[in-house]
PDB file of N, CA and C in Angstrom:
ATOM      1  N   UNK A   1       0.757  -1.137  -0.064  1.00  0.00           N
ATOM      2  CA  UNK A   1      -0.111  -0.150   0.059  1.00  0.00           C
ATOM      3  C   UNK A   1       0.948   1.287  -0.117  1.00  0.00           C
ATOM      4  N   UNK A   2       0.576   2.218  -0.703  1.00  0.00           N
ATOM      5  CA  UNK A   2       1.271   3.343  -0.925  1.00  0.00           C
ATOM      6  C   UNK A   2       0.680   4.463  -0.157  1.00  0.00           C
ATOM      7  N   UNK A   3       1.291   5.006   1.014  1.00  0.00           N
ATOM      8  CA  UNK A   3       0.671   5.709   1.689  1.00  0.00           C
ATOM      9  C   UNK A   3       1.281   7.204   1.885  1.00  0.00           C
ATOM     10  N   UNK A   4       2.277   7.564   1.305  1.00  0.00           N
ATOM     11  CA  UNK A   4       2.805   8.852   1.497  1.00  0.00           C
ATOM     12  C   UNK A   4       3.330   9.365   0.178  1.00  0.00           C
ATOM     13  N   UNK A   5       3.601  10.748   0.300  1.00  0.00           N
ATOM     14  CA  UNK A   5       4.038  11.407  -0.987  1.00  0.00           C
ATOM     15  C   UNK A   5       5.225  10.912  -1.562  1.00  0.00           C
ATOM     16  N   UNK A   6       6.200  10.716  -0.499  1.00  0.00           N
ATOM     17  CA  UNK A   6       7.552  10.117  -1.157  1.00  0.00           C
ATOM     18  C   UNK A   6       7.358   8.752  -1.946  1.00  0.00           C
ATOM     19  N   UNK A   7       6.576   8.045  -1.312  1.00  0.00           N
ATOM     20  CA  UNK A   7       6.277   6.627  -1.889  1.00  0.00           C
ATOM     21  C   UNK A   7       5.527   6.763  -3.388  1.00  0.00           C
ATOM     22  N   UNK A   8       4.526   7.816  -3.368  1.00  0.00           N
ATOM     23  CA  UNK A   8       3.833   7.904  -4.610  1.00  0.00           C
ATOM     24  C   UNK A   8       4.567   8.364  -5.673  1.00  0.00           C
ATOM     25  N   UNK A   9       5.456   9.462  -5.431  1.00  0.00           N
ATOM     26  CA  UNK A   9       6.260  10.049  -6.387  1.00  0.00           C
ATOM     27  C   UNK A   9       7.150   9.080  -6.880  1.00  0.00           C
ATOM     28  N   UNK A  10       7.691   8.238  -6.328  1.00  0.00           N
ATOM     29  CA  UNK A  10       8.662   6.937  -6.590  1.00  0.00           C
ATOM     30  C   UNK A  10       7.745   6.002  -7.757  1.00  0.00           C
ATOM     31  N   UNK A  11       6.663   5.567  -6.926  1.00  0.00           N
ATOM     32  CA  UNK A  11       5.825   4.978  -7.719  1.00  0.00           C
ATOM     33  C   UNK A  11       5.408   5.362  -9.146  1.00  0.00           C
ATOM     34  N   UNK A  12       4.880   6.481  -9.194  1.00  0.00           N
ATOM     35  CA  UNK A  12       4.382   7.207 -10.460  1.00  0.00           C
ATOM     36  C   UNK A  12       5.497   7.519 -11.594  1.00  0.00           C
ATOM     37  N   UNK A  13       6.695   7.909 -10.840  1.00  0.00           N
ATOM     38  CA  UNK A  13       7.849   7.874 -11.676  1.00  0.00           C
ATOM     39  C   UNK A  13       8.426   6.745 -12.296  1.00  0.00           C
ATOM     40  N   UNK A  14       8.523   5.644 -11.561  1.00  0.00           N
ATOM     41  CA  UNK A  14       8.757   4.261 -12.019  1.00  0.00           C
ATOM     42  C   UNK A  14       7.753   3.813 -12.993  1.00  0.00           C
ATOM     43  N   UNK A  15       6.660   4.009 -12.898  1.00  0.00           N
ATOM     44  CA  UNK A  15       5.374   3.559 -13.681  1.00  0.00           C
ATOM     45  C   UNK A  15       5.346   4.185 -15.183  1.00  0.00           C
ATOM     46  N   UNK A  16       6.001   5.306 -15.194  1.00  0.00           N
ATOM     47  CA  UNK A  16       6.565   6.059 -16.504  1.00  0.00           C
ATOM     48  C   UNK A  16       7.631   5.849 -17.086  1.00  0.00           C
ATOM     49  N   UNK A  17       8.564   5.164 -16.336  1.00  0.00           N
ATOM     50  CA  UNK A  17       9.796   4.607 -16.740  1.00  0.00           C
ATOM     51  C   UNK A  17      10.834   5.715 -16.693  1.00  0.00           C
ATOM     52  N   UNK A  18      10.556   6.864 -15.833  1.00  0.00           N
ATOM     53  CA  UNK A  18      11.515   8.074 -15.675  1.00  0.00           C
ATOM     54  C   UNK A  18      12.520   7.559 -14.458  1.00  0.00           C
ATOM     55  N   UNK A  19      13.728   8.074 -14.965  1.00  0.00           N
ATOM     56  CA  UNK A  19      14.712   8.118 -13.855  1.00  0.00           C
ATOM     57  C   UNK A  19      14.523   9.468 -13.007  1.00  0.00           C
ATOM     58  N   UNK A  20      15.154   9.520 -11.965  1.00  0.00           N
ATOM     59  CA  UNK A  20      15.014  10.835 -11.030  1.00  0.00           C
ATOM     60  C   UNK A  20      15.411  11.825 -11.879  1.00  0.00           C
ATOM     61  N   UNK A  21      16.575  11.741 -12.657  1.00  0.00           N
ATOM     62  CA  UNK A  21      17.167  12.793 -13.602  1.00  0.00           C
ATOM     63  C   UNK A  21      15.985  13.222 -14.718  1.00  0.00           C
ATOM     64  N   UNK A  22      15.448  12.349 -15.326  1.00  0.00           N
ATOM     65  CA  UNK A  22      14.410  12.677 -16.194  1.00  0.00           C
ATOM     66  C   UNK A  22      13.076  13.409 -15.710  1.00  0.00           C
ATOM     67  N   UNK A  23      12.871  13.253 -14.608  1.00  0.00           N
ATOM     68  CA  UNK A  23      11.758  13.763 -13.827  1.00  0.00           C
ATOM     69  C   UNK A  23      12.231  15.089 -13.432  1.00  0.00           C
ATOM     70  N   UNK A  24      13.506  15.153 -12.961  1.00  0.00           N
ATOM     71  CA  UNK A  24      14.087  16.564 -12.588  1.00  0.00           C
ATOM     72  C   UNK A  24      14.204  17.543 -13.789  1.00  0.00           C
ATOM     73  N   UNK A  25      14.495  17.043 -14.968  1.00  0.00           N
ATOM     74  CA  UNK A  25      14.659  17.699 -16.134  1.00  0.00           C
ATOM     75  C   UNK A  25      13.128  18.336 -16.628  1.00  0.00           C
ATOM     76  N   UNK A  26      12.317  17.398 -16.547  1.00  0.00           N
ATOM     77  CA  UNK A  26      10.819  17.847 -16.785  1.00  0.00           C
ATOM     78  C   UNK A  26      10.591  19.007 -15.745  1.00  0.00           C
ATOM     79  N   UNK A  27      10.864  18.990 -14.532  1.00  0.00           N
ATOM     80  CA  UNK A  27      10.542  19.962 -13.592  1.00  0.00           C
ATOM     81  C   UNK A  27      11.196  20.965 -13.638  1.00  0.00           C
ATOM     82  N   UNK A  28      12.508  20.955 -14.316  1.00  0.00           N
ATOM     83  CA  UNK A  28      13.340  22.117 -14.209  1.00  0.00           C
ATOM     84  C   UNK A  28      14.074  22.313 -12.592  1.00  0.00           C
ATOM     85  N   UNK A  29      14.260  21.115 -12.130  1.00  0.00           N
ATOM     86  CA  UNK A  29      14.833  21.091 -10.835  1.00  0.00           C
ATOM     87  C   UNK A  29      16.165  20.177 -10.897  1.00  0.00           C
ATOM     88  N   UNK A  30      16.604  20.189  -9.770  1.00  0.00           N
ATOM     89  CA  UNK A  30      17.838  18.961  -9.735  1.00  0.00           C
ATOM     90  C   UNK A  30      17.413  17.695  -9.306  1.00  0.00           C
ATOM     91  N   UNK A  31      18.286  16.582  -9.778  1.00  0.00           N
ATOM     92  CA  UNK A  31      18.024  15.253  -9.518  1.00  0.00           C
ATOM     93  C   UNK A  31      18.057  15.076  -7.879  1.00  0.00           C
ATOM     94  N   UNK A  32      18.849  15.781  -7.325  1.00  0.00           N
ATOM     95  CA  UNK A  32      18.946  15.599  -5.621  1.00  0.00           C
ATOM     96  C   UNK A  32      17.624  16.061  -5.152  1.00  0.00           C
ATOM     97  N   UNK A  33      16.984  17.202  -5.722  1.00  0.00           N
ATOM     98  CA  UNK A  33      15.691  17.681  -5.182  1.00  0.00           C
ATOM     99  C   UNK A  33      14.448  16.288  -5.296  1.00  0.00           C
ATOM    100  N   UNK A  34      14.652  15.619  -6.368  1.00  0.00           N
ATOM    101  CA  UNK A  34      13.698  14.516  -6.610  1.00  0.00           C
ATOM    102  C   UNK A  34      14.130  13.438  -5.595  1.00  0.00           C
ATOM    103  N   UNK A  35      15.349  13.184  -5.703  1.00  0.00           N
ATOM    104  CA  UNK A  35      15.691  12.332  -4.639  1.00  0.00           C
ATOM    105  C   UNK A  35      15.342  12.434  -3.095  1.00  0.00           C
ATOM    106  N   UNK A  36      15.564  13.701  -2.834  1.00  0.00           N
ATOM    107  CA  UNK A  36      15.080  14.264  -1.362  1.00  0.00           C
ATOM    108  C   UNK A  36      13.538  13.847  -1.200  1.00  0.00           C
ATOM    109  N   UNK A  37      12.692  14.211  -2.218  1.00  0.00           N
ATOM    110  CA  UNK A  37      11.278  14.089  -2.086  1.00  0.00           C
ATOM    111  C   UNK A  37      11.217  12.436  -1.954  1.00  0.00           C
ATOM    112  N   UNK A  38      11.830  11.534  -2.624  1.00  0.00           N
ATOM    113  CA  UNK A  38      11.601  10.142  -2.655  1.00  0.00           C
ATOM    114  C   UNK A  38      12.034   9.537  -1.226  1.00  0.00           C
ATOM    115  N   UNK A  39      13.026  10.179  -0.596  1.00  0.00           N
ATOM    116  CA  UNK A  39      13.549   9.804   0.629  1.00  0.00           C
ATOM    117  C   UNK A  39      12.761  10.615   1.736  1.00  0.00           C
ATOM    118  N   UNK A  40      11.833  11.363   1.601  1.00  0.00           N
ATOM    119  CA  UNK A  40      10.840  11.920   2.455  1.00  0.00           C
ATOM    120  C   UNK A  40      11.702  12.954   3.311  1.00  0.00           C
ATOM    121  N   UNK A  41      12.752  13.335   2.784  1.00  0.00           N
ATOM    122  CA  UNK A  41      13.585  14.612   3.344  1.00  0.00           C
ATOM    123  C   UNK A  41      13.203  15.963   3.017  1.00  0.00           C
ATOM    124  N   UNK A  42      12.381  16.018   2.093  1.00  0.00           N
ATOM    125  CA  UNK A  42      11.495  17.249   1.687  1.00  0.00           C
ATOM    126  C   UNK A  42      10.383  16.949   0.958  1.00  0.00           C
ATOM    127  N   UNK A  43       9.610  18.005   0.661  1.00  0.00           N
ATOM    128  CA  UNK A  43       8.291  17.760  -0.082  1.00  0.00           C
ATOM    129  C   UNK A  43       8.325  18.878  -1.177  1.00  0.00           C
ATOM    130  N   UNK A  44       7.590  18.406  -2.246  1.00  0.00           N
ATOM    131  CA  UNK A  44       7.448  19.372  -3.312  1.00  0.00           C
ATOM    132  C   UNK A  44       6.761  20.771  -3.076  1.00  0.00           C
ATOM    133  N   UNK A  45       7.181  21.732  -3.716  1.00  0.00           N
ATOM    134  CA  UNK A  45       6.406  22.859  -3.462  1.00  0.00           C
ATOM    135  C   UNK A  45       4.908  22.958  -4.077  1.00  0.00           C
ATOM    136  N   UNK A  46       4.134  23.639  -3.843  1.00  0.00           N
ATOM    137  CA  UNK A  46       2.791  23.690  -4.230  1.00  0.00           C
ATOM    138  C   UNK A  46       2.982  23.642  -6.044  1.00  0.00           C
ATOM    139  N   UNK A  47       3.788  24.391  -6.485  1.00  0.00           N
ATOM    140  CA  UNK A  47       4.037  24.491  -8.074  1.00  0.00           C
ATOM    141  C   UNK A  47       4.417  23.075  -8.616  1.00  0.00           C
ATOM    142  N   UNK A  48       5.443  22.566  -7.760  1.00  0.00           N
ATOM    143  CA  UNK A  48       5.844  21.405  -8.229  1.00  0.00           C
ATOM    144  C   UNK A  48       4.954  20.179  -8.025  1.00  0.00           C
ATOM    145  N   UNK A  49       4.020  20.246  -7.275  1.00  0.00           N
ATOM    146  CA  UNK A  49       3.132  19.275  -6.897  1.00  0.00           C
ATOM    147  C   UNK A  49       1.957  19.355  -8.000  1.00  0.00           C
ATOM    148  N   UNK A  50       1.856  20.651  -8.319  1.00  0.00           N
ATOM    149  CA  UNK A  50       0.733  20.718  -9.394  1.00  0.00           C
ATOM    150  C   UNK A  50       1.252  20.200 -10.889  1.00  0.00           C
ATOM    151  N   UNK A  51       2.516  20.394 -11.061  1.00  0.00           N
ATOM    152  CA  UNK A  51       3.381  20.009 -12.327  1.00  0.00           C
ATOM    153  C   UNK A  51       3.272  18.343 -12.195  1.00  0.00           C
ATOM    154  N   UNK A  52       3.720  17.805 -11.171  1.00  0.00           N
ATOM    155  CA  UNK A  52       3.826  16.389 -10.883  1.00  0.00           C
ATOM    156  C   UNK A  52       2.609  15.668 -11.303  1.00  0.00           C
ATOM    157  N   UNK A  53       1.284  16.324 -10.843  1.00  0.00           N
ATOM    158  CA  UNK A  53       0.079  15.772 -11.064  1.00  0.00           C
ATOM    159  C   UNK A  53       0.059  15.727 -12.659  1.00  0.00           C
ATOM    160  N   UNK A  54       0.275  16.556 -13.259  1.00  0.00           N
ATOM    161  CA  UNK A  54       0.023  16.813 -14.666  1.00  0.00           C
ATOM    162  C   UNK A  54       0.863  15.646 -15.367  1.00  0.00           C
ATOM    163  N   UNK A  55       1.991  15.772 -15.126  1.00  0.00           N
ATOM    164  CA  UNK A  55       3.244  14.732 -15.550  1.00  0.00           C
ATOM    165  C   UNK A  55       2.641  13.148 -15.230  1.00  0.00           C
ATOM    166  N   UNK A  56       2.197  12.944 -14.168  1.00  0.00           N
ATOM    167  CA  UNK A  56       1.834  11.568 -13.770  1.00  0.00           C
ATOM    168  C   UNK A  56       0.344  11.006 -14.149  1.00  0.00           C
ATOM    169  N   UNK A  57      -0.437  12.425 -14.666  1.00  0.00           N
ATOM    170  CA  UNK A  57      -1.700  12.156 -15.090  1.00  0.00           C
ATOM    171  C   UNK A  57      -2.648  11.902 -13.968  1.00  0.00           C
ATOM    172  N   UNK A  58      -2.443  12.101 -12.853  1.00  0.00           N
ATOM    173  CA  UNK A  58      -3.186  12.039 -11.557  1.00  0.00           C
ATOM    174  C   UNK A  58      -3.559  13.497 -10.838  1.00  0.00           C
ATOM    175  N   UNK A  59      -4.878  13.440 -10.106  1.00  0.00           N
ATOM    176  CA  UNK A  59      -5.056  14.530  -9.393  1.00  0.00           C
ATOM    177  C   UNK A  59      -3.869  14.736  -8.340  1.00  0.00           C
ATOM    178  N   UNK A  60      -3.964  16.064  -7.891  1.00  0.00           N
ATOM    179  CA  UNK A  60      -2.838  16.364  -6.548  1.00  0.00           C
ATOM    180  C   UNK A  60      -3.442  15.707  -5.496  1.00  0.00           C
ATOM    181  N   UNK A  61      -4.657  15.489  -5.378  1.00  0.00           N
ATOM    182  CA  UNK A  61      -5.061  14.724  -3.995  1.00  0.00           C
ATOM    183  C   UNK A  61      -4.581  13.199  -4.077  1.00  0.00           C
ATOM    184  N   UNK A  62      -4.477  12.713  -5.166  1.00  0.00           N
ATOM    185  CA  UNK A  62      -3.919  11.371  -5.245  1.00  0.00           C
ATOM    186  C   UNK A  62      -2.495  11.433  -4.618  1.00  0.00           C
ATOM    187  N   UNK A  63      -1.765  12.164  -4.969  1.00  0.00           N
ATOM    188  CA  UNK A  63      -0.527  12.331  -4.462  1.00  0.00           C
ATOM    189  C   UNK A  63      -0.382  12.756  -2.957  1.00  0.00           C
ATOM    190  N   UNK A  64      -1.242  13.562  -2.545  1.00  0.00           N
ATOM    191  CA  UNK A  64      -1.485  14.127  -1.070  1.00  0.00           C
ATOM    192  C   UNK A  64      -2.147  13.056  -0.173  1.00  0.00           C
ATOM    193  N   UNK A  65      -3.144  12.405  -0.551  1.00  0.00           N
ATOM    194  CA  UNK A  65      -4.047  11.746   0.399  1.00  0.00           C
ATOM    195  C   UNK A  65      -3.258  10.447   0.874  1.00  0.00           C
ATOM    196  N   UNK A  66      -3.525  10.137   2.164  1.00  0.00           N
ATOM    197  CA  UNK A  66      -3.307   8.882   2.897  1.00  0.00           C
ATOM    198  C   UNK A  66      -4.111   7.697   2.280  1.00  0.00           C
ATOM    199  N   UNK A  67      -5.097   7.869   1.607  1.00  0.00           N
ATOM    200  CA  UNK A  67      -5.833   6.678   1.118  1.00  0.00           C
ATOM    201  C   UNK A  67      -5.250   6.136  -0.010  1.00  0.00           C
ATOM    202  N   UNK A  68      -5.585   4.859  -0.396  1.00  0.00           N
ATOM    203  CA  UNK A  68      -5.028   4.255  -1.434  1.00  0.00           C
ATOM    204  C   UNK A  68      -6.092   4.200  -2.218  1.00  0.00           C
ATOM    205  N   UNK A  69      -6.543   5.170  -3.160  1.00  0.00           N
ATOM    206  CA  UNK A  69      -7.728   5.208  -4.111  1.00  0.00           C
ATOM    207  C   UNK A  69      -7.099   4.955  -5.489  1.00  0.00           C
ATOM    208  N   UNK A  70      -7.897   4.527  -6.254  1.00  0.00           N
ATOM    209  CA  UNK A  70      -7.626   4.451  -7.537  1.00  0.00           C
ATOM    210  C   UNK A  70      -8.647   5.139  -8.460  1.00  0.00           C
ATOM    211  N   UNK A  71      -8.171   5.979  -9.329  1.00  0.00           N
ATOM    212  CA  UNK A  71      -9.441   6.757 -10.080  1.00  0.00           C
ATOM    213  C   UNK A  71      -9.135   6.254 -11.564  1.00  0.00           C
ATOM    214  N   UNK A  72     -10.299   5.935 -12.081  1.00  0.00           N
ATOM    215  CA  UNK A  72     -10.398   5.411 -13.443  1.00  0.00           C
ATOM    216  C   UNK A  72     -11.330   6.365 -13.967  1.00  0.00           C
ATOM    217  N   UNK A  73     -11.043   6.867 -15.312  1.00  0.00           N
ATOM    218  CA  UNK A  73     -11.595   7.659 -16.155  1.00  0.00           C
ATOM    219  C   UNK A  73     -12.521   6.860 -17.109  1.00  0.00           C
ATOM    220  N   UNK A  74     -13.732   6.931 -16.877  1.00  0.00           N
ATOM    221  CA  UNK A  74     -14.848   6.161 -17.590  1.00  0.00           C
ATOM    222  C   UNK A  74     -15.625   6.833 -18.487  1.00  0.00           C
ATOM    223  N   UNK A  75     -15.345   8.342 -18.527  1.00  0.00           N
ATOM    224  CA  UNK A  75     -16.112   9.039 -19.601  1.00  0.00           C
ATOM    225  C   UNK A  75     -16.134   8.699 -21.066  1.00  0.00           C
ATOM    226  N   UNK A  76     -15.046   7.890 -21.445  1.00  0.00           N
ATOM    227  CA  UNK A  76     -15.095   7.691 -23.015  1.00  0.00           C
ATOM    228  C   UNK A  76     -15.832   6.256 -23.120  1.00  0.00           C
ATOM    229  N   UNK A  77     -16.438   5.729 -22.176  1.00  0.00           N
ATOM    230  CA  UNK A  77     -17.155   4.557 -22.252  1.00  0.00           C
ATOM    231  C   UNK A  77     -18.755   4.765 -22.597  1.00  0.00           C
ATOM    232  N   UNK A  78     -19.156   3.843 -23.154  1.00  0.00           N
ATOM    233  CA  UNK A  78     -20.717   4.071 -23.537  1.00  0.00           C
ATOM    234  C   UNK A  78     -21.599   3.894 -22.215  1.00  0.00           C
ATOM    235  N   UNK A  79     -22.771   4.430 -22.304  1.00  0.00           N
ATOM    236  CA  UNK A  79     -23.661   4.582 -21.080  1.00  0.00           C
ATOM    237  C   UNK A  79     -23.588   3.223 -20.615  1.00  0.00           C
ATOM    238  N   UNK A  80     -23.955   2.109 -21.403  1.00  0.00           N
ATOM    239  CA  UNK A  80     -24.065   0.658 -20.768  1.00  0.00           C
ATOM    240  C   UNK A  80     -22.775   0.205 -20.138  1.00  0.00           C
ATOM    241  N   UNK A  81     -21.770   0.539 -20.748  1.00  0.00           N
ATOM    242  CA  UNK A  81     -20.318   0.096 -20.176  1.00  0.00           C
ATOM    243  C   UNK A  81     -20.216   0.753 -18.825  1.00  0.00           C
ATOM    244  N   UNK A  82     -20.490   2.119 -18.819  1.00  0.00           N
ATOM    245  CA  UNK A  82     -20.315   2.846 -17.480  1.00  0.00           C
ATOM    246  C   UNK A  82     -21.178   2.304 -16.231  1.00  0.00           C
ATOM    247  N   UNK A  83     -22.447   1.790 -16.658  1.00  0.00           N
ATOM    248  CA  UNK A  83     -23.566   1.110 -15.918  1.00  0.00           C
ATOM    249  C   UNK A  83     -22.870  -0.096 -15.411  1.00  0.00           C
ATOM    250  N   UNK A  84     -22.296  -0.938 -16.286  1.00  0.00           N
ATOM    251  CA  UNK A  84     -21.607  -2.358 -15.952  1.00  0.00           C
ATOM    252  C   UNK A  84     -20.483  -1.807 -14.901  1.00  0.00           C
ATOM    253  N   UNK A  85     -19.644  -0.987 -15.371  1.00  0.00           N
ATOM    254  CA  UNK A  85     -18.457  -0.686 -14.326  1.00  0.00           C
ATOM    255  C   UNK A  85     -18.937  -0.191 -13.003  1.00  0.00           C
ATOM    256  N   UNK A  86     -19.928   0.563 -12.666  1.00  0.00           N
ATOM    257  CA  UNK A  86     -20.364   0.948 -11.737  1.00  0.00           C
ATOM    258  C   UNK A  86     -21.191  -0.198 -10.816  1.00  0.00           C
ATOM    259  N   UNK A  87     -21.864  -1.049 -11.678  1.00  0.00           N
ATOM    260  CA  UNK A  87     -22.447  -2.194 -10.864  1.00  0.00           C
ATOM    261  C   UNK A  87     -21.320  -3.137 -10.365  1.00  0.00           C
ATOM    262  N   UNK A  88     -20.308  -3.293 -11.142  1.00  0.00           N
ATOM    263  CA  UNK A  88     -19.255  -4.207 -10.356  1.00  0.00           C
ATOM    264  C   UNK A  88     -18.759  -3.637  -9.293  1.00  0.00           C
ATOM    265  N   UNK A  89     -18.387  -2.234  -9.344  1.00  0.00           N
ATOM    266  CA  UNK A  89     -17.851  -1.559  -8.005  1.00  0.00           C
ATOM    267  C   UNK A  89     -18.924  -1.761  -6.901  1.00  0.00           C
ATOM    268  N   UNK A  90     -20.087  -1.601  -7.093  1.00  0.00           N
ATOM    269  CA  UNK A  90     -21.006  -1.725  -6.135  1.00  0.00           C
ATOM    270  C   UNK A  90     -20.855  -3.005  -5.435  1.00  0.00           C
ATOM    271  N   UNK A  91     -20.779  -4.133  -6.151  1.00  0.00           N
ATOM    272  CA  UNK A  91     -20.589  -5.476  -5.795  1.00  0.00           C
ATOM    273  C   UNK A  91     -19.441  -5.795  -4.968  1.00  0.00           C
ATOM    274  N   UNK A  92     -18.240  -4.962  -5.117  1.00  0.00           N
ATOM    275  CA  UNK A  92     -17.203  -5.026  -4.312  1.00  0.00           C
ATOM    276  C   UNK A  92     -17.385  -4.324  -3.081  1.00  0.00           C
ATOM    277  N   UNK A  93     -17.928  -3.299  -3.164  1.00  0.00           N
ATOM    278  CA  UNK A  93     -18.197  -2.419  -1.954  1.00  0.00           C
ATOM    279  C   UNK A  93     -19.166  -2.969  -0.866  1.00  0.00           C
ATOM    280  N   UNK A  94     -20.137  -3.847  -1.405  1.00  0.00           N
ATOM    281  CA  UNK A  94     -21.031  -4.679  -0.553  1.00  0.00           C
ATOM    282  C   UNK A  94     -20.443  -5.578   0.054  1.00  0.00           C
ATOM    283  N   UNK A  95     -19.261  -6.019  -0.588  1.00  0.00           N
ATOM    284  CA  UNK A  95     -18.555  -7.450   0.085  1.00  0.00           C
ATOM    285  C   UNK A  95     -17.658  -6.733   1.385  1.00  0.00           C
ATOM    286  N   UNK A  96     -17.542  -5.498   1.583  1.00  0.00           N
ATOM    287  CA  UNK A  96     -16.480  -5.020   2.453  1.00  0.00           C
ATOM    288  C   UNK A  96     -17.338  -4.834   3.837  1.00  0.00           C
TER     289      UNK A  96
END
């Protein structure tokens, strides 16, 4: 379970196949700054957090929240497909 900002930054960076240097270049910062974030020695500024959310294609609250939520965009699905996805989710929520 990924619960803190440091772990989430590393997780999403790895998921994109970026090195710390790659991410640092995209953000216009040093590799050591990214390393410090991932080691929980510091946290990104608000501006960097907004840019990280754009790079990782996740909302800022996904990076900041302590919850382990997964957001899925179903907007491109047909009405029937959306209904099916929501019914499946409802089945899992009732099991808990």
